[in-house]
Amino acid sequence: MPSLVAPTVDVHISFLEAMDEYVAEGRGGLDDFSNIGNDIRSYAATWSTAEGFARYVSYLRAQRLEETPRPPGFVPTTVLWWLDGAEYLGRLNIRHRLAPGRAGERNGHIGYDVRPGARRQGHATAMLAAARPRAAALGLPRVLITCDFDNEASRRTIERNGGRLTDRLDEKLRYWV
């Protein structure tokens, strides 16, 4: 049964297969502002080696710490992977607070992504449900979650987890859960 866990080197092969799926669907380009897209651009050149992957995993795990250096406007974030044994199925980020300004209002507290080969199997809904107690433990009893207005699958995922549509900001629908 899949579960949310801290990033681990134990799923290196499956992780690389998932990243190949993302690249095949066009992710990682300069117009991909997602965490997956940024990580592909920043780490794909080195994460194929055990050492490079270990550095990447350490980087992700350090993002939860307040003292970790990060770009302006970025906030501490707990990164979790949705794993079924050694199979990487997806990723979820819990931002410990909203980023300052419009970025926080557009991105919300929680973001998630399911690898292309594991979509339409209920993973996003289960992953978000599993993240809610973790967010509460971080002091977030209510979380803002956003999705593109035309992303029907993500909208259903949020609504299945109790999300109430608040408004639309540009192309983003904003839900409180």
Protein backbone atom coordinates (compact mmCIF):
# COMPACT_ATOMS: atom_id res chain seq x y z
CA MET A 1 0.00 0.00 0.00
CA PRO A 2 1.47 3.42 -0.95
CA SER A 3 2.51 5.88 1.72
CA LEU A 4 4.06 9.33 2.07
CA VAL A 5 7.70 9.17 3.11
CA ALA A 6 10.65 11.53 3.21
CA PRO A 7 12.74 11.36 0.03
CA THR A 8 15.05 8.35 0.09
CA VAL A 9 17.87 6.97 -2.03
CA ASP A 10 16.17 3.55 -1.88
CA VAL A 11 13.98 4.32 -4.93
CA HIS A 12 16.68 5.63 -7.26
CA ILE A 13 15.83 3.44 -10.26
CA SER A 14 12.08 3.97 -10.04
CA PHE A 15 12.59 7.71 -9.52
CA LEU A 16 14.68 7.95 -12.70
CA GLU A 17 12.01 6.02 -14.62
CA ALA A 18 9.38 8.47 -13.36
CA MET A 19 11.50 11.45 -14.41
CA ASP A 20 11.87 9.92 -17.88
CA GLU A 21 8.04 9.75 -18.03
CA TYR A 22 7.80 13.44 -17.09
CA VAL A 23 10.37 14.44 -19.70
CA ALA A 24 8.53 12.36 -22.34
CA GLU A 25 5.37 14.38 -21.65
CA GLY A 26 7.31 17.62 -22.10
CA ARG A 27 8.16 18.53 -18.51
CA GLY A 28 11.38 20.28 -17.53
CA GLY A 29 11.38 23.01 -20.18
CA LEU A 30 11.91 26.67 -19.37
CA ASP A 31 8.14 27.19 -19.35
CA ASP A 32 7.60 24.49 -16.69
CA PHE A 33 7.52 26.36 -13.37
CA SER A 34 6.56 23.30 -11.32
CA ASN A 35 8.83 21.70 -8.72
CA ILE A 36 9.29 18.72 -11.03
CA GLY A 37 10.23 21.01 -13.92
CA ASN A 38 12.70 22.97 -11.81
CA ASP A 39 14.28 19.80 -10.44
CA ILE A 40 14.66 18.30 -13.91
CA ARG A 41 16.46 21.44 -15.10
CA SER A 42 18.61 21.69 -11.97
CA TYR A 43 19.46 18.07 -11.09
CA ALA A 44 18.87 15.74 -14.04
CA ALA A 45 22.48 16.07 -15.16
CA THR A 46 23.73 14.53 -11.90
CA TRP A 47 20.97 12.44 -10.34
CA SER A 48 21.70 9.39 -12.50
CA THR A 49 24.73 8.61 -10.31
CA ALA A 50 24.34 7.30 -6.75
CA GLU A 51 26.30 10.27 -5.40
CA GLY A 52 24.33 12.81 -7.40
CA PHE A 53 21.03 11.27 -6.37
CA ALA A 54 22.10 11.24 -2.71
CA ARG A 55 22.91 14.98 -2.97
CA TYR A 56 19.49 15.62 -4.52
CA VAL A 57 17.71 13.66 -1.77
CA SER A 58 19.67 15.58 0.90
CA TYR A 59 18.70 18.86 -0.76
CA LEU A 60 15.00 17.92 -0.70
CA ARG A 61 15.11 16.78 2.92
CA ALA A 62 16.81 20.03 3.98
CA GLN A 63 14.01 22.15 2.50
CA ARG A 64 11.93 21.62 5.66
CA LEU A 65 14.49 23.45 7.82
CA GLU A 66 14.04 27.18 8.45
CA GLU A 67 17.80 27.76 8.28
CA THR A 68 18.24 26.16 4.84
CA PRO A 69 19.28 28.80 2.28
CA ARG A 70 16.64 29.30 -0.39
CA PRO A 71 15.81 31.86 -3.06
CA PRO A 72 13.93 35.00 -2.01
CA GLY A 73 10.20 34.35 -1.66
CA PHE A 74 10.63 30.62 -0.98
CA VAL A 75 9.52 29.22 2.38
CA PRO A 76 10.40 26.07 4.35
CA THR A 77 8.75 23.09 2.68
CA THR A 78 8.35 19.47 3.69
CA VAL A 79 8.88 17.34 0.58
CA LEU A 80 7.31 13.88 0.67
CA TRP A 81 7.33 11.10 -1.88
CA TRP A 82 4.38 8.78 -2.52
CA LEU A 83 5.93 5.33 -2.62
CA ASP A 84 4.65 1.80 -2.96
CA GLY A 85 7.62 -0.17 -1.67
CA ALA A 86 10.49 0.78 -3.98
CA GLU A 87 8.18 2.30 -6.61
CA TYR A 88 8.11 6.10 -6.87
CA LEU A 89 4.54 7.18 -7.67
CA GLY A 90 4.58 10.90 -6.97
CA ARG A 91 5.60 13.88 -4.91
CA LEU A 92 3.87 16.21 -2.49
CA ASN A 93 5.14 19.47 -0.98
CA ILE A 94 3.76 21.09 2.16
CA ARG A 95 4.81 24.72 2.44
CA HIS A 96 5.01 25.60 6.13
CA ARG A 97 3.46 28.99 5.42
CA LEU A 98 2.28 30.84 2.35
CA ALA A 99 5.07 32.41 0.37
CA PRO A 100 4.99 36.19 0.51
CA GLY A 101 2.84 38.14 -1.91
CA ARG A 102 1.05 36.85 -4.96
CA ALA A 103 3.20 33.70 -5.21
CA GLY A 104 1.73 32.31 -1.99
CA GLU A 105 -1.80 33.17 -3.06
CA ARG A 106 -1.25 31.34 -6.38
CA ASN A 107 0.69 28.31 -5.08
CA GLY A 108 -0.96 27.66 -1.73
CA HIS A 109 0.32 25.38 1.02
CA ILE A 110 0.26 22.02 -0.75
CA GLY A 111 1.33 20.99 -4.22
CA TYR A 112 1.41 17.46 -5.62
CA ASP A 113 2.30 15.59 -8.78
CA VAL A 114 1.70 11.95 -9.78
CA ARG A 115 4.06 10.34 -12.29
CA PRO A 116 2.39 9.92 -15.70
CA GLY A 117 2.36 6.10 -15.59
CA ALA A 118 0.50 6.09 -12.24
CA ARG A 119 -2.20 8.66 -13.00
CA ARG A 120 -5.95 7.96 -12.92
CA GLN A 121 -5.53 5.35 -10.18
CA GLY A 122 -6.55 7.46 -7.16
CA HIS A 123 -3.01 8.26 -6.05
CA ALA A 124 -3.44 12.04 -5.97
CA THR A 125 -6.57 11.79 -3.83
CA ALA A 126 -4.94 9.33 -1.42
CA MET A 127 -1.72 11.32 -1.30
CA LEU A 128 -3.53 14.56 -0.44
CA ALA A 129 -5.61 12.78 2.23
CA ALA A 130 -2.43 11.37 3.79
CA ALA A 131 -0.85 14.83 3.80
CA ARG A 132 -3.63 16.56 5.73
CA PRO A 133 -2.58 15.25 9.19
CA ARG A 134 1.04 16.09 8.38
CA ALA A 135 0.05 19.65 7.51
CA ALA A 136 -1.92 19.89 10.76
CA ALA A 137 1.15 18.69 12.69
CA LEU A 138 3.07 21.59 11.10
CA GLY A 139 0.49 24.03 12.49
CA LEU A 140 -1.71 24.14 9.38
CA PRO A 141 -5.20 22.96 10.34
CA ARG A 142 -6.51 24.64 7.16
CA VAL A 143 -4.54 24.70 3.92
CA LEU A 144 -4.86 26.61 0.69
CA ILE A 145 -4.57 24.38 -2.37
CA THR A 146 -4.68 25.70 -5.91
CA CYS A 147 -4.96 24.19 -9.37
CA ASP A 148 -5.20 25.48 -12.90
CA PHE A 149 -8.82 26.22 -13.81
CA ASP A 150 -8.70 23.68 -16.65
CA ASN A 151 -7.14 20.84 -14.58
CA GLU A 152 -10.24 18.77 -13.98
CA ALA A 153 -8.38 15.88 -12.34
CA SER A 154 -6.71 18.13 -9.76
CA ARG A 155 -9.97 19.96 -9.08
CA ARG A 156 -11.70 16.63 -8.34
CA THR A 157 -8.78 15.56 -6.11
CA ILE A 158 -9.07 18.71 -4.02
CA GLU A 159 -12.86 18.50 -3.79
CA ARG A 160 -12.71 14.80 -2.77
CA ASN A 161 -10.54 15.95 0.12
CA GLY A 162 -13.08 18.50 1.31
CA GLY A 163 -11.80 21.50 -0.62
CA ARG A 164 -14.18 24.43 -0.90
CA LEU A 165 -13.70 26.70 -3.89
CA THR A 166 -12.95 30.20 -2.63
CA ASP A 167 -12.16 32.13 -5.80
CA ARG A 168 -10.12 32.30 -8.98
CA LEU A 169 -6.84 34.20 -9.25
CA ASP A 170 -5.70 34.44 -12.85
CA GLU A 171 -5.64 30.84 -14.16
CA LYS A 172 -5.70 29.34 -10.63
CA LEU A 173 -8.73 28.06 -8.73
CA ARG A 174 -8.18 28.51 -4.99
CA TYR A 175 -9.56 26.03 -2.46
CA TRP A 176 -9.41 25.89 1.33
CA VAL A 177 -9.28 22.43 2.88
